[in-house]
Amino acid sequence: MNVRLFITSLFLILFITACQYNSIDEPLVQEEPSNTTNTLVDQRLNSYFSNFENEALKRGYDIDLNALEITGEISSIPESGVAGTCQYGLHLSHVTIDLNFWNNSSNNFREFVVFHELGHCVLHRDHREDAFNNGICRSIMRSGVEDCRDAYSPTNREYYLDELFANADF
């Protein structure tokens, strides 16, 4: 057998088999762990967890979600109309974001819900239902069962994050 043909064939076989696919045909990416990667959460949530830490630091709070062992996943939540949950107690703080919500939402609205749930799990915030005179919710921590309207956007993001961290209880 020709050595050149053998090497070319071997290279092609290695190249073709190097790509692995999961059950929904998305390439599996092997990444080296970094200091900013929280290994306790679904990788799709990592950037939101990291942004939460960065926004806390801007406001004088040094929060390390990995050290706090905050876990997170994206999976179906059976309750209708629930975009996220936070379960917390003595030894557990776990954020769940609803898969259907995740698949149908913008990055901005994803951030809103992830930060809201981390507000419960990390900042120990309760729901805040009050609104401005125009009906806009005053807090990212609203429950969604009252009449105020969400207005979280790039334009007023700083206001909502200032309010979130200013009223932290930790």
N, C-alpha and C. Protein backbone atom coordinates (compact mmCIF):
# COMPACT_ATOMS: atom_id res chain seq x y z
N MET A 1 0.83 -1.17 0.00
CA MET A 1 0.00 0.00 0.00
C MET A 1 0.89 1.25 0.00
N ASN A 2 0.50 2.21 -0.74
CA ASN A 2 1.22 3.46 -0.85
C ASN A 2 1.18 4.19 0.50
N VAL A 3 2.34 4.61 1.01
CA VAL A 3 2.45 5.28 2.31
C VAL A 3 1.65 6.58 2.31
N ARG A 4 1.73 7.30 1.23
CA ARG A 4 1.00 8.57 1.14
C ARG A 4 -0.51 8.34 1.24
N LEU A 5 -1.02 7.33 0.56
CA LEU A 5 -2.44 6.99 0.61
C LEU A 5 -2.83 6.55 2.01
N PHE A 6 -1.98 5.76 2.65
CA PHE A 6 -2.24 5.29 4.01
C PHE A 6 -2.34 6.46 4.99
N ILE A 7 -1.40 7.40 4.93
CA ILE A 7 -1.39 8.55 5.83
C ILE A 7 -2.60 9.44 5.56
N THR A 8 -2.94 9.65 4.31
CA THR A 8 -4.11 10.46 3.96
C THR A 8 -5.38 9.80 4.47
N SER A 9 -5.50 8.49 4.30
CA SER A 9 -6.68 7.76 4.78
C SER A 9 -6.78 7.84 6.30
N LEU A 10 -5.67 7.65 6.98
CA LEU A 10 -5.65 7.73 8.43
C LEU A 10 -6.07 9.12 8.90
N PHE A 11 -5.55 10.15 8.26
CA PHE A 11 -5.90 11.52 8.61
C PHE A 11 -7.40 11.75 8.42
N LEU A 12 -7.97 11.30 7.32
CA LEU A 12 -9.40 11.46 7.05
C LEU A 12 -10.25 10.74 8.10
N ILE A 13 -9.85 9.54 8.46
CA ILE A 13 -10.60 8.78 9.47
C ILE A 13 -10.56 9.52 10.81
N LEU A 14 -9.40 10.01 11.20
CA LEU A 14 -9.28 10.76 12.44
C LEU A 14 -10.10 12.05 12.40
N PHE A 15 -10.08 12.72 11.29
CA PHE A 15 -10.82 13.96 11.13
C PHE A 15 -12.32 13.73 11.23
N ILE A 16 -12.80 12.70 10.55
CA ILE A 16 -14.24 12.42 10.54
C ILE A 16 -14.72 11.96 11.91
N THR A 17 -13.95 11.16 12.61
CA THR A 17 -14.40 10.65 13.90
C THR A 17 -14.13 11.61 15.04
N ALA A 18 -13.42 12.69 14.83
CA ALA A 18 -13.12 13.63 15.89
C ALA A 18 -14.34 14.44 16.32
N CYS A 19 -15.30 14.64 15.44
CA CYS A 19 -16.51 15.38 15.78
C CYS A 19 -17.53 14.43 16.37
N GLN A 20 -18.02 14.76 17.58
CA GLN A 20 -19.05 13.97 18.22
C GLN A 20 -20.31 14.80 18.26
N TYR A 21 -21.45 14.15 18.25
CA TYR A 21 -22.72 14.85 18.30
C TYR A 21 -23.59 14.27 19.38
N ASN A 22 -24.38 15.15 20.04
CA ASN A 22 -25.30 14.67 21.05
C ASN A 22 -26.63 14.32 20.40
N SER A 23 -27.62 14.02 21.22
CA SER A 23 -28.89 13.52 20.69
C SER A 23 -29.67 14.56 19.90
N ILE A 24 -29.34 15.84 20.01
CA ILE A 24 -30.06 16.83 19.22
C ILE A 24 -29.15 17.44 18.16
N ASP A 25 -28.14 16.71 17.78
CA ASP A 25 -27.25 17.08 16.69
C ASP A 25 -26.53 18.41 16.86
N GLU A 26 -26.21 18.76 18.09
CA GLU A 26 -25.35 19.91 18.33
C GLU A 26 -23.96 19.39 18.60
N PRO A 27 -22.92 20.01 18.05
CA PRO A 27 -21.58 19.53 18.32
C PRO A 27 -21.25 19.61 19.81
N LEU A 28 -20.60 18.59 20.32
CA LEU A 28 -20.13 18.63 21.69
C LEU A 28 -18.81 19.37 21.71
N VAL A 29 -18.69 20.34 22.55
CA VAL A 29 -17.49 21.15 22.62
C VAL A 29 -16.74 20.77 23.89
N GLN A 30 -15.51 20.42 23.73
CA GLN A 30 -14.66 20.12 24.88
C GLN A 30 -13.86 21.38 25.19
N GLU A 31 -14.16 21.99 26.33
CA GLU A 31 -13.46 23.21 26.71
C GLU A 31 -12.60 22.95 27.93
N GLU A 32 -11.49 23.62 28.00
CA GLU A 32 -10.66 23.56 29.19
C GLU A 32 -11.35 24.34 30.29
N PRO A 33 -11.38 23.81 31.51
CA PRO A 33 -11.98 24.58 32.59
C PRO A 33 -11.21 25.87 32.83
N SER A 34 -11.94 26.92 33.17
CA SER A 34 -11.30 28.20 33.47
C SER A 34 -11.77 28.65 34.84
N ASN A 35 -11.14 29.67 35.36
CA ASN A 35 -11.52 30.18 36.67
C ASN A 35 -12.91 30.77 36.68
N THR A 36 -13.43 31.20 35.52
CA THR A 36 -14.74 31.82 35.47
C THR A 36 -15.84 30.81 35.16
N THR A 37 -15.51 29.57 34.93
CA THR A 37 -16.52 28.57 34.63
C THR A 37 -16.99 27.92 35.91
N ASN A 38 -18.29 27.98 36.13
CA ASN A 38 -18.88 27.33 37.28
C ASN A 38 -19.24 25.91 36.86
N THR A 39 -18.56 24.94 37.41
CA THR A 39 -18.76 23.55 37.02
C THR A 39 -20.03 22.96 37.61
N LEU A 40 -20.72 23.71 38.45
CA LEU A 40 -21.92 23.22 39.10
C LEU A 40 -23.20 23.61 38.37
N VAL A 41 -23.06 24.27 37.23
CA VAL A 41 -24.24 24.73 36.50
C VAL A 41 -24.19 24.29 35.05
N ASP A 42 -25.35 24.23 34.45
CA ASP A 42 -25.46 23.98 33.02
C ASP A 42 -24.61 25.03 32.31
N GLN A 43 -23.81 24.59 31.35
CA GLN A 43 -22.88 25.52 30.70
C GLN A 43 -23.59 26.70 30.04
N ARG A 44 -24.86 26.55 29.66
CA ARG A 44 -25.61 27.65 29.05
C ARG A 44 -25.90 28.76 30.06
N LEU A 45 -25.80 28.45 31.34
CA LEU A 45 -26.04 29.46 32.39
C LEU A 45 -24.76 30.15 32.85
N ASN A 46 -23.62 29.62 32.48
CA ASN A 46 -22.34 30.14 32.99
C ASN A 46 -22.16 31.63 32.75
N SER A 47 -22.46 32.11 31.56
CA SER A 47 -22.24 33.54 31.29
C SER A 47 -23.17 34.41 32.14
N TYR A 48 -24.38 33.94 32.40
CA TYR A 48 -25.32 34.70 33.23
C TYR A 48 -24.86 34.70 34.69
N PHE A 49 -24.36 33.56 35.18
CA PHE A 49 -23.82 33.50 36.53
C PHE A 49 -22.61 34.42 36.66
N SER A 50 -21.74 34.40 35.67
CA SER A 50 -20.55 35.25 35.67
C SER A 50 -20.95 36.73 35.63
N ASN A 51 -21.93 37.08 34.80
CA ASN A 51 -22.40 38.47 34.73
C ASN A 51 -22.99 38.92 36.06
N PHE A 52 -23.69 38.02 36.76
CA PHE A 52 -24.24 38.33 38.07
C PHE A 52 -23.10 38.68 39.04
N GLU A 53 -22.06 37.86 39.04
CA GLU A 53 -20.89 38.13 39.89
C GLU A 53 -20.26 39.48 39.55
N ASN A 54 -20.11 39.77 38.25
CA ASN A 54 -19.51 41.04 37.81
C ASN A 54 -20.36 42.23 38.22
N GLU A 55 -21.67 42.11 38.06
CA GLU A 55 -22.56 43.21 38.44
C GLU A 55 -22.55 43.42 39.95
N ALA A 56 -22.45 42.34 40.71
CA ALA A 56 -22.34 42.45 42.17
C ALA A 56 -21.05 43.19 42.54
N LEU A 57 -19.95 42.82 41.89
CA LEU A 57 -18.66 43.44 42.18
C LEU A 57 -18.67 44.94 41.89
N LYS A 58 -19.35 45.34 40.80
CA LYS A 58 -19.47 46.77 40.48
C LYS A 58 -20.16 47.54 41.60
N ARG A 59 -20.99 46.82 42.36
CA ARG A 59 -21.77 47.44 43.42
C ARG A 59 -21.21 47.15 44.81
N GLY A 60 -19.96 46.65 44.84
CA GLY A 60 -19.27 46.46 46.10
C GLY A 60 -19.44 45.10 46.76
N TYR A 61 -20.01 44.13 46.07
CA TYR A 61 -20.21 42.79 46.64
C TYR A 61 -19.34 41.79 45.89
N ASP A 62 -18.47 41.11 46.60
CA ASP A 62 -17.61 40.09 46.01
C ASP A 62 -18.29 38.73 46.18
N ILE A 63 -19.01 38.31 45.16
CA ILE A 63 -19.79 37.07 45.23
C ILE A 63 -19.14 36.04 44.31
N ASP A 64 -18.88 34.86 44.84
CA ASP A 64 -18.33 33.74 44.07
C ASP A 64 -19.36 32.61 44.11
N LEU A 65 -20.15 32.50 43.05
CA LEU A 65 -21.23 31.51 43.02
C LEU A 65 -20.70 30.09 43.06
N ASN A 66 -19.52 29.87 42.51
CA ASN A 66 -18.91 28.54 42.55
C ASN A 66 -18.54 28.18 43.98
N ALA A 67 -17.91 29.11 44.70
CA ALA A 67 -17.53 28.86 46.09
C ALA A 67 -18.77 28.68 46.97
N LEU A 68 -19.86 29.38 46.63
CA LEU A 68 -21.11 29.23 47.38
C LEU A 68 -21.85 27.94 47.01
N GLU A 69 -21.32 27.23 46.01
CA GLU A 69 -21.89 25.98 45.51
C GLU A 69 -23.33 26.14 45.04
N ILE A 70 -23.60 27.26 44.35
CA ILE A 70 -24.90 27.48 43.73
C ILE A 70 -24.95 26.61 42.48
N THR A 71 -25.93 25.76 42.39
CA THR A 71 -26.08 24.90 41.22
C THR A 71 -27.18 25.44 40.33
N GLY A 72 -27.17 25.03 39.08
CA GLY A 72 -28.18 25.51 38.15
C GLY A 72 -28.37 24.59 36.99
N GLU A 73 -29.61 24.54 36.51
CA GLU A 73 -29.93 23.71 35.36
C GLU A 73 -31.02 24.37 34.54
N ILE A 74 -31.12 23.91 33.30
CA ILE A 74 -32.22 24.29 32.43
C ILE A 74 -32.99 23.00 32.16
N SER A 75 -34.23 22.97 32.64
CA SER A 75 -35.07 21.78 32.45
C SER A 75 -36.53 22.20 32.55
N SER A 76 -37.40 21.31 32.19
CA SER A 76 -38.83 21.61 32.22
C SER A 76 -39.32 21.81 33.65
N ILE A 77 -40.08 22.88 33.84
CA ILE A 77 -40.74 23.15 35.12
C ILE A 77 -42.22 22.86 34.89
N PRO A 78 -42.79 21.96 35.67
CA PRO A 78 -44.17 21.53 35.39
C PRO A 78 -45.24 22.60 35.63
N GLU A 79 -44.99 23.55 36.53
CA GLU A 79 -45.99 24.58 36.80
C GLU A 79 -46.13 25.53 35.61
N SER A 80 -47.33 25.80 35.22
CA SER A 80 -47.60 26.69 34.10
C SER A 80 -47.21 28.12 34.44
N GLY A 81 -46.56 28.80 33.50
CA GLY A 81 -46.21 30.20 33.66
C GLY A 81 -45.01 30.48 34.56
N VAL A 82 -44.28 29.45 34.97
CA VAL A 82 -43.12 29.65 35.82
C VAL A 82 -41.86 29.56 34.96
N ALA A 83 -41.11 30.65 34.90
CA ALA A 83 -39.90 30.70 34.07
C ALA A 83 -38.67 30.22 34.81
N GLY A 84 -38.68 30.31 36.14
CA GLY A 84 -37.53 29.89 36.92
C GLY A 84 -37.89 29.66 38.36
N THR A 85 -37.05 28.90 39.03
CA THR A 85 -37.23 28.66 40.46
C THR A 85 -35.87 28.71 41.15
N CYS A 86 -35.93 28.95 42.45
CA CYS A 86 -34.74 28.87 43.30
C CYS A 86 -35.12 28.05 44.51
N GLN A 87 -34.41 26.98 44.71
CA GLN A 87 -34.59 26.18 45.91
C GLN A 87 -33.38 26.44 46.79
N TYR A 88 -33.64 26.85 48.00
CA TYR A 88 -32.51 27.11 48.89
C TYR A 88 -32.85 26.69 50.31
N GLY A 89 -31.82 26.37 51.02
CA GLY A 89 -31.95 25.93 52.41
C GLY A 89 -30.58 25.89 53.03
N LEU A 90 -30.44 25.05 54.03
CA LEU A 90 -29.17 24.98 54.75
C LEU A 90 -28.02 24.50 53.88
N HIS A 91 -28.26 23.51 53.03
CA HIS A 91 -27.16 22.91 52.27
C HIS A 91 -27.39 22.92 50.76
N LEU A 92 -28.41 23.63 50.30
CA LEU A 92 -28.73 23.59 48.88
C LEU A 92 -29.17 24.95 48.39
N SER A 93 -28.60 25.37 47.30
CA SER A 93 -29.09 26.53 46.57
C SER A 93 -29.03 26.16 45.10
N HIS A 94 -30.21 26.00 44.51
CA HIS A 94 -30.30 25.48 43.16
C HIS A 94 -31.27 26.30 42.33
N VAL A 95 -30.80 26.78 41.18
CA VAL A 95 -31.61 27.54 40.24
C VAL A 95 -32.02 26.61 39.10
N THR A 96 -33.31 26.63 38.78
CA THR A 96 -33.82 25.91 37.62
C THR A 96 -34.49 26.92 36.70
N ILE A 97 -34.11 26.90 35.44
CA ILE A 97 -34.74 27.76 34.43
C ILE A 97 -35.52 26.84 33.49
N ASP A 98 -36.76 27.21 33.24
CA ASP A 98 -37.63 26.38 32.41
C ASP A 98 -37.10 26.29 30.98
N LEU A 99 -37.04 25.08 30.46
CA LEU A 99 -36.50 24.82 29.12
C LEU A 99 -37.31 25.53 28.04
N ASN A 100 -38.62 25.50 28.13
CA ASN A 100 -39.45 26.16 27.12
C ASN A 100 -39.23 27.67 27.15
N PHE A 101 -39.17 28.24 28.35
CA PHE A 101 -38.87 29.67 28.48
C PHE A 101 -37.52 29.97 27.83
N TRP A 102 -36.50 29.17 28.18
CA TRP A 102 -35.14 29.39 27.68
C TRP A 102 -35.10 29.38 26.15
N ASN A 103 -35.77 28.42 25.57
CA ASN A 103 -35.73 28.26 24.11
C ASN A 103 -36.48 29.37 23.37
N ASN A 104 -37.35 30.09 24.06
CA ASN A 104 -38.19 31.09 23.39
C ASN A 104 -37.94 32.51 23.87
N SER A 105 -36.84 32.75 24.59
CA SER A 105 -36.60 34.07 25.16
C SER A 105 -35.32 34.71 24.64
N SER A 106 -35.31 36.03 24.71
CA SER A 106 -34.12 36.80 24.34
C SER A 106 -33.09 36.69 25.44
N ASN A 107 -31.85 37.03 25.13
CA ASN A 107 -30.80 37.06 26.15
C ASN A 107 -31.15 38.01 27.29
N ASN A 108 -31.76 39.14 26.95
CA ASN A 108 -32.14 40.12 27.96
C ASN A 108 -33.14 39.52 28.96
N PHE A 109 -34.16 38.83 28.46
CA PHE A 109 -35.17 38.26 29.34
C PHE A 109 -34.61 37.06 30.10
N ARG A 110 -33.70 36.32 29.48
CA ARG A 110 -33.03 35.23 30.20
C ARG A 110 -32.26 35.80 31.40
N GLU A 111 -31.51 36.88 31.14
CA GLU A 111 -30.75 37.50 32.22
C GLU A 111 -31.68 37.95 33.34
N PHE A 112 -32.79 38.56 32.98
CA PHE A 112 -33.78 39.03 33.95
C PHE A 112 -34.20 37.88 34.87
N VAL A 113 -34.54 36.73 34.31
CA VAL A 113 -35.03 35.61 35.11
C VAL A 113 -33.91 34.96 35.92
N VAL A 114 -32.73 34.78 35.31
CA VAL A 114 -31.61 34.19 36.05
C VAL A 114 -31.22 35.10 37.22
N PHE A 115 -31.13 36.41 36.99
CA PHE A 115 -30.78 37.34 38.06
C PHE A 115 -31.87 37.35 39.14
N HIS A 116 -33.14 37.26 38.74
CA HIS A 116 -34.23 37.20 39.71
C HIS A 116 -34.06 35.99 40.61
N GLU A 117 -33.80 34.82 40.02
CA GLU A 117 -33.64 33.60 40.82
C GLU A 117 -32.39 33.66 41.69
N LEU A 118 -31.31 34.21 41.18
CA LEU A 118 -30.11 34.39 42.00
C LEU A 118 -30.37 35.42 43.10
N GLY A 119 -31.27 36.36 42.85
CA GLY A 119 -31.69 37.30 43.89
C GLY A 119 -32.28 36.56 45.09
N HIS A 120 -33.05 35.51 44.82
CA HIS A 120 -33.58 34.68 45.90
C HIS A 120 -32.46 33.86 46.55
N CYS A 121 -31.74 33.09 45.72
CA CYS A 121 -30.77 32.11 46.22
C CYS A 121 -29.56 32.74 46.90
N VAL A 122 -29.08 33.85 46.40
CA VAL A 122 -27.83 34.43 46.88
C VAL A 122 -28.06 35.67 47.74
N LEU A 123 -28.94 36.54 47.28
CA LEU A 123 -29.16 37.81 47.98
C LEU A 123 -30.27 37.72 49.02
N HIS A 124 -30.96 36.59 49.06
CA HIS A 124 -32.05 36.34 50.00
C HIS A 124 -33.17 37.37 49.87
N ARG A 125 -33.43 37.75 48.64
CA ARG A 125 -34.49 38.72 48.36
C ARG A 125 -35.84 38.02 48.25
N ASP A 126 -36.87 38.66 48.80
CA ASP A 126 -38.25 38.21 48.62
C ASP A 126 -38.83 38.95 47.42
N HIS A 127 -40.04 38.59 47.06
CA HIS A 127 -40.70 39.30 45.97
C HIS A 127 -41.06 40.72 46.42
N ARG A 128 -41.03 41.61 45.48
CA ARG A 128 -41.40 43.02 45.71
C ARG A 128 -42.39 43.38 44.61
N GLU A 129 -43.60 43.73 45.01
CA GLU A 129 -44.69 43.89 44.05
C GLU A 129 -45.03 45.33 43.69
N ASP A 130 -44.40 46.31 44.31
CA ASP A 130 -44.81 47.68 44.07
C ASP A 130 -44.42 48.16 42.67
N ALA A 131 -45.14 49.19 42.23
CA ALA A 131 -44.94 49.71 40.87
C ALA A 131 -44.86 51.23 40.89
N PHE A 132 -44.28 51.77 39.83
CA PHE A 132 -44.29 53.21 39.62
C PHE A 132 -45.72 53.62 39.22
N ASN A 133 -45.98 54.92 39.20
CA ASN A 133 -47.32 55.41 38.84
C ASN A 133 -47.77 54.97 37.45
N ASN A 134 -46.82 54.70 36.57
CA ASN A 134 -47.16 54.29 35.21
C ASN A 134 -47.39 52.78 35.08
N GLY A 135 -47.33 52.04 36.21
CA GLY A 135 -47.59 50.61 36.18
C GLY A 135 -46.36 49.74 35.96
N ILE A 136 -45.19 50.34 35.80
CA ILE A 136 -43.96 49.59 35.59
C ILE A 136 -43.46 49.07 36.95
N CYS A 137 -43.05 47.81 36.99
CA CYS A 137 -42.53 47.21 38.23
C CYS A 137 -41.30 47.96 38.70
N ARG A 138 -41.19 48.16 40.00
CA ARG A 138 -40.04 48.83 40.59
C ARG A 138 -38.84 47.92 40.76
N SER A 139 -39.07 46.61 40.71
CA SER A 139 -37.99 45.67 41.03
C SER A 139 -37.97 44.48 40.08
N ILE A 140 -36.77 43.98 39.87
CA ILE A 140 -36.58 42.73 39.15
C ILE A 140 -37.15 41.57 39.97
N MET A 141 -37.41 41.81 41.25
CA MET A 141 -37.86 40.76 42.16
C MET A 141 -39.38 40.64 42.23
N ARG A 142 -40.09 41.17 41.28
CA ARG A 142 -41.55 41.03 41.26
C ARG A 142 -41.90 39.56 41.02
N SER A 143 -43.07 39.15 41.48
CA SER A 143 -43.45 37.73 41.38
C SER A 143 -44.08 37.39 40.04
N GLY A 144 -44.67 38.35 39.38
CA GLY A 144 -45.36 38.07 38.13
C GLY A 144 -46.84 37.82 38.31
N VAL A 145 -47.31 37.79 39.55
CA VAL A 145 -48.74 37.56 39.78
C VAL A 145 -49.50 38.87 39.98
N GLU A 146 -48.79 39.96 40.13
CA GLU A 146 -49.42 41.28 40.30
C GLU A 146 -49.56 41.95 38.93
N ASP A 147 -50.09 43.17 38.95
CA ASP A 147 -50.41 43.87 37.71
C ASP A 147 -49.28 44.70 37.12
N CYS A 148 -48.16 44.85 37.81
CA CYS A 148 -47.11 45.70 37.26
C CYS A 148 -46.51 45.05 36.01
N ARG A 149 -45.98 45.89 35.13
CA ARG A 149 -45.39 45.43 33.87
C ARG A 149 -43.87 45.48 33.96
N ASP A 150 -43.24 44.44 33.43
CA ASP A 150 -41.77 44.40 33.39
C ASP A 150 -41.27 45.42 32.39
N ALA A 151 -40.15 46.04 32.72
CA ALA A 151 -39.54 47.00 31.80
C ALA A 151 -38.03 46.81 31.75
N TYR A 152 -37.56 45.62 32.08
CA TYR A 152 -36.12 45.35 32.09
C TYR A 152 -35.61 45.40 30.65
N SER A 153 -34.70 46.31 30.40
CA SER A 153 -34.16 46.50 29.05
C SER A 153 -32.75 47.07 29.17
N PRO A 154 -32.00 47.08 28.08
CA PRO A 154 -30.66 47.69 28.14
C PRO A 154 -30.69 49.15 28.61
N THR A 155 -31.79 49.84 28.35
CA THR A 155 -31.91 51.25 28.73
C THR A 155 -31.99 51.43 30.24
N ASN A 156 -32.74 50.56 30.92
CA ASN A 156 -32.92 50.75 32.37
C ASN A 156 -32.33 49.61 33.19
N ARG A 157 -31.50 48.80 32.59
CA ARG A 157 -30.87 47.65 33.26
C ARG A 157 -30.14 48.09 34.53
N GLU A 158 -29.38 49.18 34.45
CA GLU A 158 -28.59 49.64 35.60
C GLU A 158 -29.49 49.96 36.79
N TYR A 159 -30.63 50.61 36.53
CA TYR A 159 -31.55 50.90 37.64
C TYR A 159 -31.98 49.61 38.33
N TYR A 160 -32.41 48.62 37.55
CA TYR A 160 -32.91 47.37 38.14
C TYR A 160 -31.80 46.61 38.87
N LEU A 161 -30.59 46.62 38.35
CA LEU A 161 -29.50 45.93 39.02
C LEU A 161 -29.07 46.67 40.29
N ASP A 162 -29.07 48.00 40.24
CA ASP A 162 -28.80 48.78 41.45
C ASP A 162 -29.82 48.43 42.54
N GLU A 163 -31.09 48.36 42.16
CA GLU A 163 -32.15 48.04 43.12
C GLU A 163 -31.99 46.62 43.64
N LEU A 164 -31.64 45.68 42.76
CA LEU A 164 -31.47 44.28 43.16
C LEU A 164 -30.41 44.14 44.25
N PHE A 165 -29.25 44.71 44.01
CA PHE A 165 -28.13 44.55 44.95
C PHE A 165 -28.24 45.48 46.16
N ALA A 166 -28.86 46.64 46.01
CA ALA A 166 -28.99 47.57 47.13
C ALA A 166 -29.86 46.99 48.24
N ASN A 167 -30.78 46.13 47.90
CA ASN A 167 -31.70 45.57 48.87
C ASN A 167 -31.35 44.13 49.23
N ALA A 168 -30.09 43.75 49.01
CA ALA A 168 -29.63 42.40 49.33
C ALA A 168 -29.62 42.19 50.84
N ASP A 169 -29.82 40.94 51.22
CA ASP A 169 -29.82 40.58 52.64
C ASP A 169 -28.92 39.35 52.83
N PHE A 170 -27.61 39.59 52.81
CA PHE A 170 -26.69 38.47 53.00
C PHE A 170 -25.46 38.91 53.76
